């Protein structure tokens, strides 16, 4: 129903809600803290990061969150904070949050300890002891299924007292099915590239709907220039009174079942505009249900092949 569009989705394990947008913090480098702060001030209520110094400054993500909470821009209870464990294959060997010579289980324990420190609620290091993460994602399956399951079982020991939800990223359909069947704590989120090379993850997304898993789309804009700049999105942009076709792409992607989006814009105006676009789309869908249904059906035809 149109009234349900763009509402926060509920994760099946913890019953927490997850907003339509997670602020993506990859490749922000030394600007990470300021950009996270700007995103939270603009209305974002979820942040995605990783214990992977090669691409993320998890420590500065924590700084940005603590600044926003200290100034009263947002409370910790309003936020959904997600990080990742990245195996040695995705790490810079010169900058790692754990000793690569450790067994997988100990790598994970060390990585999570560093994440709890980086994302602690106050500048006092001792507050890491009471910190709880809303979600921790296995950044990619490990080289073998046995290793992936070993890593997952280690992550499960943190649920729910230190980590509320678990997820996996960059995962193909077969591995996801095997993990789901073997897991005691079922994956609550899957974070994958949303692009033509995987047929927009149609099979994975269908599996997520069947199992009540939230699908977190990334590369939604950069990997889909033909769709973003096509006539269909231009028409949506015009009809809804949006500022850009980027906003139209976000709104249509969010019309899919169980989907949220990683949004890593560095532009403060775009941060606000992207959030406002969801309100415009919801209003349009409620006032023009048949027209909106047509836009959604044509968008699905572009990606479901």
Protein backbone atom coordinates (compact mmCIF):
# COMPACT_ATOMS: atom_id res chain seq x y z
CA UNK A 1 0.00 0.00 0.00
CA UNK A 2 1.28 3.54 -0.73
CA UNK A 3 0.98 4.51 2.94
CA UNK A 4 3.73 1.99 3.75
CA UNK A 5 6.22 3.44 1.30
CA UNK A 6 9.57 4.51 2.70
CA UNK A 7 8.72 3.62 6.27
CA UNK A 8 11.47 2.18 8.45
CA UNK A 9 11.77 -1.57 7.99
CA UNK A 10 11.88 -4.03 10.89
CA UNK A 11 14.73 -6.52 11.27
CA UNK A 12 13.34 -9.95 12.03
CA UNK A 13 15.87 -10.91 14.72
CA UNK A 14 16.04 -7.90 17.02
CA UNK A 15 12.75 -6.27 15.94
CA UNK A 16 14.72 -3.05 15.48
CA UNK A 17 13.84 -0.64 12.74
CA UNK A 18 16.29 0.35 10.03
CA UNK A 19 15.85 3.61 8.08
CA UNK A 20 15.56 3.83 4.30
CA UNK A 21 19.02 5.39 4.06
CA UNK A 22 22.23 4.36 5.80
CA UNK A 23 24.98 6.93 5.53
CA UNK A 24 27.87 5.21 3.78
CA UNK A 25 31.31 6.18 5.08
CA UNK A 26 33.71 4.45 2.69
CA UNK A 27 36.48 6.56 1.14
CA UNK A 28 35.72 9.66 3.21
CA UNK A 29 39.24 9.61 4.74
CA UNK A 30 40.05 12.56 7.01
CA UNK A 31 36.68 14.20 6.22
CA UNK A 32 34.77 11.27 7.72
CA UNK A 33 33.93 12.80 11.11
CA UNK A 34 32.60 16.05 9.64
CA UNK A 35 30.56 14.28 6.97
CA UNK A 36 29.01 11.87 9.49
CA UNK A 37 28.13 14.83 11.68
CA UNK A 38 26.56 16.65 8.71
CA UNK A 39 24.58 13.58 7.73
CA UNK A 40 23.16 13.17 11.24
CA UNK A 41 22.32 16.86 11.44
CA UNK A 42 20.59 16.61 8.06
CA UNK A 43 18.33 13.80 9.24
CA UNK A 44 20.14 10.54 8.58
CA UNK A 45 19.59 8.08 11.40
CA UNK A 46 21.77 5.15 10.31
CA UNK A 47 25.50 4.92 9.66
CA UNK A 48 27.44 2.16 7.91
CA UNK A 49 31.18 1.69 8.40
CA UNK A 50 33.78 -1.10 8.66
CA UNK A 51 36.87 -2.15 10.59
CA UNK A 52 38.83 -1.82 7.38
CA UNK A 53 41.33 1.07 7.49
CA UNK A 54 42.05 0.53 3.79
CA UNK A 55 38.70 2.13 2.89
CA UNK A 56 37.11 3.37 6.13
CA UNK A 57 38.00 5.57 9.10
CA UNK A 58 35.85 3.82 11.69
CA UNK A 59 37.49 5.88 14.44
CA UNK A 60 36.37 9.12 12.79
CA UNK A 61 32.87 7.75 12.28
CA UNK A 62 32.74 7.38 16.06
CA UNK A 63 33.99 10.96 16.48
CA UNK A 64 31.23 12.29 14.21
CA UNK A 65 28.52 10.34 16.02
CA UNK A 66 29.75 11.40 19.46
CA UNK A 67 29.84 15.05 18.38
CA UNK A 68 26.25 14.89 17.13
CA UNK A 69 24.99 13.18 20.28
CA UNK A 70 26.93 15.50 22.59
CA UNK A 71 25.41 18.55 20.89
CA UNK A 72 21.94 17.09 21.13
CA UNK A 73 21.44 16.78 17.38
CA UNK A 74 20.40 13.17 17.85
CA UNK A 75 20.26 10.61 20.65
CA UNK A 76 21.99 7.26 20.49
CA UNK A 77 18.62 5.52 20.82
CA UNK A 78 17.56 7.06 17.51
CA UNK A 79 20.55 5.68 15.62
CA UNK A 80 21.28 2.46 13.79
CA UNK A 81 25.05 1.91 13.80
CA UNK A 82 26.50 -0.81 11.61
CA UNK A 83 30.08 -1.91 11.06
CA UNK A 84 31.82 -4.89 9.46
CA UNK A 85 34.46 -7.51 10.03
CA UNK A 86 36.78 -7.61 7.02
CA UNK A 87 38.95 -10.68 6.48
CA UNK A 88 42.65 -10.41 5.67
CA UNK A 89 41.89 -10.62 1.93
CA UNK A 90 40.20 -7.22 2.04
CA UNK A 91 42.70 -5.49 4.31
CA UNK A 92 45.78 -3.38 3.65
CA UNK A 93 48.56 -5.54 5.16
CA UNK A 94 50.17 -2.39 6.57
CA UNK A 95 46.99 -1.16 8.30
CA UNK A 96 44.94 -3.91 9.92
CA UNK A 97 42.76 -3.94 13.06
CA UNK A 98 44.12 -7.35 14.08
CA UNK A 99 47.13 -9.63 13.71
CA UNK A 100 46.68 -11.57 10.42
CA UNK A 101 48.59 -14.49 11.90
CA UNK A 102 45.86 -15.10 14.48
CA UNK A 103 43.21 -17.78 13.91
CA UNK A 104 39.98 -16.50 12.33
CA UNK A 105 38.14 -16.57 15.65
CA UNK A 106 40.78 -14.39 17.33
CA UNK A 107 40.88 -12.04 14.35
CA UNK A 108 37.17 -11.45 14.82
CA UNK A 109 37.41 -10.94 18.58
CA UNK A 110 40.18 -8.36 18.06
CA UNK A 111 38.34 -6.60 15.25
CA UNK A 112 35.12 -6.33 17.25
CA UNK A 113 37.02 -5.02 20.26
CA UNK A 114 38.47 -2.26 18.07
CA UNK A 115 35.03 -1.46 16.65
CA UNK A 116 33.47 -1.19 20.10
CA UNK A 117 36.28 1.19 21.05
CA UNK A 118 35.92 3.30 17.90
CA UNK A 119 32.13 3.48 18.10
CA UNK A 120 31.84 3.89 21.89
CA UNK A 121 29.25 6.28 23.23
CA UNK A 122 31.62 8.74 24.92
CA UNK A 123 35.26 9.88 24.63
CA UNK A 124 36.04 7.86 27.76
CA UNK A 125 37.66 4.60 26.52
CA UNK A 126 35.94 2.69 29.32
CA UNK A 127 32.56 3.33 27.65
CA UNK A 128 33.51 0.71 25.04
CA UNK A 129 32.57 -1.87 27.65
CA UNK A 130 28.92 -0.82 27.56
CA UNK A 131 28.74 -0.14 23.82
CA UNK A 132 26.30 -2.17 21.73
CA UNK A 133 26.37 -2.28 17.92
CA UNK A 134 23.08 -2.47 16.06
CA UNK A 135 24.52 -4.57 13.25
CA UNK A 136 27.78 -6.23 12.31
CA UNK A 137 28.26 -7.47 8.76
CA UNK A 138 30.70 -10.08 7.50
CA UNK A 139 32.25 -7.95 4.77
CA UNK A 140 32.60 -10.85 2.35
CA UNK A 141 32.46 -14.63 2.55
CA UNK A 142 35.82 -16.16 3.43
CA UNK A 143 37.65 -18.35 0.88
CA UNK A 144 35.87 -21.54 1.97
CA UNK A 145 32.41 -22.26 3.33
CA UNK A 146 33.99 -23.85 6.41
CA UNK A 147 35.90 -20.64 7.16
CA UNK A 148 32.81 -18.53 6.53
CA UNK A 149 30.80 -20.63 8.98
CA UNK A 150 33.63 -20.49 11.54
CA UNK A 151 33.57 -16.71 11.29
CA UNK A 152 29.77 -16.61 11.54
CA UNK A 153 29.67 -18.84 14.61
CA UNK A 154 32.17 -16.53 16.29
CA UNK A 155 30.00 -13.52 15.47
CA UNK A 156 26.96 -15.32 16.89
CA UNK A 157 28.57 -15.37 20.34
CA UNK A 158 28.11 -11.58 20.51
CA UNK A 159 24.35 -11.64 19.88
CA UNK A 160 22.38 -10.06 21.46
CA UNK A 161 24.43 -8.64 24.34
CA UNK A 162 27.01 -6.74 22.21
CA UNK A 163 25.63 -6.97 18.67
CA UNK A 164 21.91 -6.91 17.92
CA UNK A 165 21.93 -8.13 14.31
CA UNK A 166 24.29 -9.93 11.95
CA UNK A 167 24.60 -9.61 8.20
CA UNK A 168 26.75 -10.47 5.23
CA UNK A 169 27.97 -8.44 2.26
CA UNK A 170 29.20 -9.20 -1.25
CA UNK A 171 27.53 -12.60 -1.06
CA UNK A 172 26.36 -14.76 -3.99
CA UNK A 173 23.10 -16.66 -3.86
CA UNK A 174 24.55 -20.13 -3.20
CA UNK A 175 26.66 -19.02 -0.27
CA UNK A 176 23.77 -17.05 1.21
CA UNK A 177 21.51 -20.10 1.11
CA UNK A 178 24.14 -22.30 2.74
CA UNK A 179 24.87 -19.73 5.43
CA UNK A 180 21.21 -19.22 6.18
CA UNK A 181 20.59 -22.93 6.59
CA UNK A 182 23.62 -23.44 8.84
CA UNK A 183 23.32 -20.31 10.97
CA UNK A 184 21.84 -20.30 14.44
CA UNK A 185 21.52 -16.51 14.30
CA UNK A 186 20.08 -15.94 10.84
CA UNK A 187 21.42 -13.04 8.76
CA UNK A 188 19.20 -10.01 9.26
CA UNK A 189 20.75 -7.98 6.43
CA UNK A 190 22.46 -8.60 3.11
CA UNK A 191 24.53 -5.76 1.65
CA UNK A 192 25.29 -6.20 -2.06
CA UNK A 193 26.00 -4.20 -5.19
CA UNK A 194 22.81 -3.25 -7.00
CA UNK A 195 23.80 -3.34 -10.65
CA UNK A 196 23.34 -5.10 -14.01
CA UNK A 197 26.26 -7.53 -13.63
CA UNK A 198 24.22 -9.53 -11.10
CA UNK A 199 20.85 -8.85 -12.78
CA UNK A 200 20.25 -6.45 -9.90
CA UNK A 201 20.49 -9.37 -7.48
CA UNK A 202 16.97 -10.50 -8.37
CA UNK A 203 17.37 -14.00 -6.93
CA UNK A 204 19.12 -12.75 -3.79
CA UNK A 205 16.47 -10.10 -3.23
CA UNK A 206 13.69 -12.65 -3.68
CA UNK A 207 15.38 -14.90 -1.11
CA UNK A 208 15.65 -11.94 1.27
CA UNK A 209 11.93 -11.23 0.93
CA UNK A 210 11.10 -14.90 1.54
CA UNK A 211 13.26 -15.04 4.69
CA UNK A 212 12.52 -11.56 6.03
CA UNK A 213 16.05 -10.27 5.41
CA UNK A 214 16.68 -6.59 4.71
CA UNK A 215 18.56 -6.00 1.45
CA UNK A 216 21.02 -3.09 1.65
CA UNK A 217 21.76 -1.83 -1.86
CA UNK A 218 25.01 -0.07 -2.70
CA UNK A 219 26.45 1.37 -5.94
CA UNK A 220 22.82 2.31 -6.62
CA UNK A 221 23.75 5.44 -8.56
CA UNK A 222 27.31 5.02 -9.79
CA UNK A 223 26.80 1.55 -11.30
CA UNK A 224 23.59 2.39 -13.15
CA UNK A 225 24.14 5.48 -15.34
CA UNK A 226 21.92 4.25 -18.18
CA UNK A 227 18.93 3.87 -15.88
CA UNK A 228 19.64 6.97 -13.81
CA UNK A 229 19.87 9.20 -16.86
CA UNK A 230 17.16 7.45 -18.87
CA UNK A 231 13.82 8.88 -19.92
CA UNK A 232 11.83 6.96 -17.32
CA UNK A 233 13.62 8.48 -14.34
CA UNK A 234 13.45 11.90 -15.95
CA UNK A 235 9.67 11.56 -16.06
CA UNK A 236 9.53 10.50 -12.41
CA UNK A 237 11.74 13.41 -11.42
CA UNK A 238 9.43 15.86 -13.22
CA UNK A 239 6.17 14.38 -11.92
CA UNK A 240 7.30 14.23 -8.29
CA UNK A 241 8.98 17.64 -8.34
CA UNK A 242 12.35 16.19 -7.36
CA UNK A 243 15.63 18.07 -7.60
CA UNK A 244 17.53 15.40 -9.55
CA UNK A 245 17.22 12.04 -11.27
CA UNK A 246 19.43 10.68 -8.47
CA UNK A 247 16.55 11.24 -6.09
CA UNK A 248 14.20 9.47 -8.50
CA UNK A 249 16.53 6.45 -8.61
CA UNK A 250 16.57 6.29 -4.84
CA UNK A 251 12.78 6.52 -4.57
CA UNK A 252 12.17 3.80 -7.16
CA UNK A 253 14.78 1.48 -5.67
CA UNK A 254 13.15 1.90 -2.27
CA UNK A 255 9.81 0.91 -3.78
CA UNK A 256 11.20 -2.63 -4.04
CA UNK A 257 10.45 -5.09 -1.25
CA UNK A 258 12.67 -5.12 1.85
CA UNK A 259 15.23 -2.72 0.35
CA UNK A 260 17.21 0.07 2.00
CA UNK A 261 20.07 2.03 0.47
CA UNK A 262 23.61 3.03 1.35
CA UNK A 263 23.85 6.74 0.54
CA UNK A 264 27.33 8.23 0.80
CA UNK A 265 26.84 11.72 -0.59
CA UNK A 266 29.39 14.29 0.55
CA UNK A 267 27.08 17.22 -0.29
CA UNK A 268 25.04 18.56 2.62
CA UNK A 269 22.34 19.90 0.30
CA UNK A 270 22.00 16.47 -1.27
CA UNK A 271 21.76 14.87 2.16
CA UNK A 272 18.69 16.94 2.94
CA UNK A 273 17.30 16.69 -0.58
CA UNK A 274 17.51 12.90 -0.69
CA UNK A 275 15.55 12.63 2.56
CA UNK A 276 12.98 15.18 1.40
CA UNK A 277 12.55 13.24 -1.85
CA UNK A 278 11.19 10.29 0.09
CA UNK A 279 8.47 12.47 1.58
CA UNK A 280 7.62 13.85 -1.86
CA UNK A 281 7.44 10.36 -3.32
CA UNK A 282 5.22 9.08 -0.52
CA UNK A 283 2.85 12.03 -0.93
CA UNK A 284 2.74 11.57 -4.70
CA UNK A 285 2.06 7.83 -4.36
CA UNK A 286 -0.79 8.46 -1.94
CA UNK A 287 -2.36 11.14 -4.14
CA UNK A 288 -1.66 9.45 -7.49
CA UNK A 289 -1.62 5.70 -6.77
CA UNK A 290 -2.17 4.52 -10.35
CA UNK A 291 0.48 6.82 -11.78
CA UNK A 292 2.99 5.76 -9.14
CA UNK A 293 2.15 2.11 -9.71
CA UNK A 294 2.94 2.60 -13.39
CA UNK A 295 6.32 4.16 -12.61
CA UNK A 296 7.19 1.31 -10.26
CA UNK A 297 6.12 -1.36 -12.75
CA UNK A 298 8.22 0.20 -15.52
CA UNK A 299 11.20 0.46 -13.17
CA UNK A 300 10.85 -3.19 -12.26
CA UNK A 301 10.79 -4.04 -15.94
CA UNK A 302 14.17 -2.31 -16.31
CA UNK A 303 15.82 -4.37 -13.59
CA UNK A 304 13.96 -7.66 -13.41
CA UNK A 305 15.14 -9.54 -16.49
